[in-house]
Structures are given as structure tokens and as C-alpha cells.
Amino acid sequence: MKKWFTIRMEEALLPRFKLTTENKNYLLSWAMVTHIEASKDFLSLQFICEIGMVQLASDESMEALFGSMEAERVHCIHGELLACRIMQVG
């Protein structure tokens, strides 16, 4: 199963993207996503949004996901396939 889906360049941008976890589905606003960062090898990635700090981990590089997040081209992230953890901040 694919771990994330992106929007093609010719398609219109969406104001939100979907994050799925084992127990919930979230629609997250791109306007609220901040502090996107990844480890040097792109095996871990995290960002802050309206639900807290989202941490993702994979045994495969998430460099493409990182780049797609930079361009706000992510449509859906399957967090349950990326060891998703959500922590409250502030």
C-alpha cells in the first residue's frame, strides 16, 4: 500500500490534506502547517499543525514526501503505515 498520495502539478491545490491514523482521520489545513523538518536521511519527518506535532518514521526515504509538503502537493498521508505519533504542543 502506498504511504502517501500527492497532487499532480497540473491539478489545483487543495486547502487541506488528509492524515489517517489507526484510530482517526484528520483533515489538516496547509495554512496551519509549520516547522516541517526531516532527518538527514529522510527516514523521519515531523511537522506542527492544529492537532499538535506529527512525527512520521519509515524504513524508506521520505524525501519525496518532504518535497511534496514543501510545495503543498500532498493529498493524503497514511500515518498508520509511517509509525505516526501525535504529541500536543504549547
Protein backbone atom coordinates (compact mmCIF):
# COMPACT_ATOMS: atom_id res chain seq x y z
CA MET A 1 0.00 0.00 0.00
CA LYS A 2 1.21 3.47 -0.86
CA LYS A 3 2.18 5.55 2.20
CA TRP A 4 1.19 8.95 0.78
CA PHE A 5 -0.51 10.45 -2.24
CA THR A 6 0.30 13.71 -3.98
CA ILE A 7 -1.43 16.10 -6.35
CA ARG A 8 0.00 16.41 -9.86
CA MET A 9 1.41 19.80 -10.85
CA GLU A 10 -1.40 20.43 -13.34
CA GLU A 11 -4.07 19.86 -10.67
CA ALA A 12 -5.40 22.64 -8.45
CA LEU A 13 -4.02 22.91 -4.93
CA LEU A 14 -6.28 21.87 -2.07
CA PRO A 15 -6.57 23.87 1.18
CA ARG A 16 -6.36 20.71 3.30
CA PHE A 17 -4.78 17.28 3.28
CA LYS A 18 -5.87 14.05 4.92
CA LEU A 19 -3.87 12.31 7.64
CA THR A 20 -5.05 8.84 8.62
CA THR A 21 -4.02 7.02 11.78
CA GLU A 22 -5.03 3.68 13.24
CA ASN A 23 -7.94 5.31 15.07
CA LYS A 24 -8.78 8.59 13.33
CA ASN A 25 -8.94 10.51 10.07
CA TYR A 26 -7.91 14.18 10.09
CA LEU A 27 -8.29 16.96 7.53
CA LEU A 28 -5.42 19.36 8.20
CA SER A 29 -5.12 22.89 6.91
CA TRP A 30 -1.99 23.79 4.94
CA ALA A 31 -2.27 27.28 6.48
CA MET A 32 -1.64 25.74 9.91
CA VAL A 33 1.33 23.51 8.98
CA THR A 34 4.65 24.87 10.24
CA HIS A 35 8.14 23.71 11.15
CA ILE A 36 8.39 20.87 8.65
CA GLU A 37 11.68 19.06 9.19
CA ALA A 38 13.28 15.75 8.31
CA SER A 39 16.33 13.83 9.41
CA LYS A 40 19.33 13.95 7.10
CA ASP A 41 18.45 10.51 5.68
CA PHE A 42 14.72 11.42 5.45
CA LEU A 43 13.73 8.35 7.49
CA SER A 44 11.93 10.57 10.00
CA LEU A 45 9.84 13.64 9.35
CA GLN A 46 7.86 15.91 11.62
CA PHE A 47 5.67 18.99 11.41
CA ILE A 48 3.46 21.10 13.64
CA CYS A 49 -0.20 21.65 12.81
CA GLU A 50 -3.53 22.29 14.51
CA ILE A 51 -3.59 18.85 16.19
CA GLY A 52 -0.03 19.09 17.57
CA MET A 53 3.37 17.81 16.47
CA VAL A 54 3.05 14.98 13.98
CA GLN A 55 6.02 12.60 13.80
CA LEU A 56 6.41 10.08 10.99
CA ALA A 57 9.02 7.33 10.63
CA SER A 58 9.79 4.93 7.81
CA ASP A 59 12.42 2.39 6.81
CA GLU A 60 12.39 4.01 3.34
CA SER A 61 13.33 7.60 2.50
CA MET A 62 10.53 10.16 2.74
CA GLU A 63 12.45 12.74 0.72
CA ALA A 64 9.68 12.81 -1.90
CA LEU A 65 7.07 13.40 0.83
CA PHE A 66 9.21 16.22 2.25
CA GLY A 67 9.45 17.88 -1.16
CA SER A 68 5.73 17.48 -1.78
CA MET A 69 4.96 19.04 1.59
CA GLU A 70 7.19 21.98 0.71
CA ALA A 71 5.07 22.54 -2.43
CA GLU A 72 1.80 21.80 -0.55
CA ARG A 73 1.09 18.99 -3.02
CA VAL A 74 0.27 16.22 -0.53
CA HIS A 75 -3.31 14.94 -0.71
CA CYS A 76 -3.18 12.12 1.86
CA ILE A 77 -0.66 10.65 4.33
CA HIS A 78 -1.30 7.15 5.66
CA GLY A 79 0.11 7.69 9.14
CA GLU A 80 -0.65 4.14 10.21
CA LEU A 81 1.95 2.98 7.67
CA LEU A 82 4.52 5.55 8.87
CA ALA A 83 4.54 4.92 12.63
CA CYS A 84 2.62 8.18 13.14
CA ARG A 85 2.75 9.78 16.57
CA ILE A 86 0.89 12.95 17.51
CA MET A 87 2.05 14.97 20.50
CA GLN A 88 0.40 18.03 21.99
CA VAL A 89 2.46 21.23 21.87
CA GLY A 90 2.37 24.53 23.72
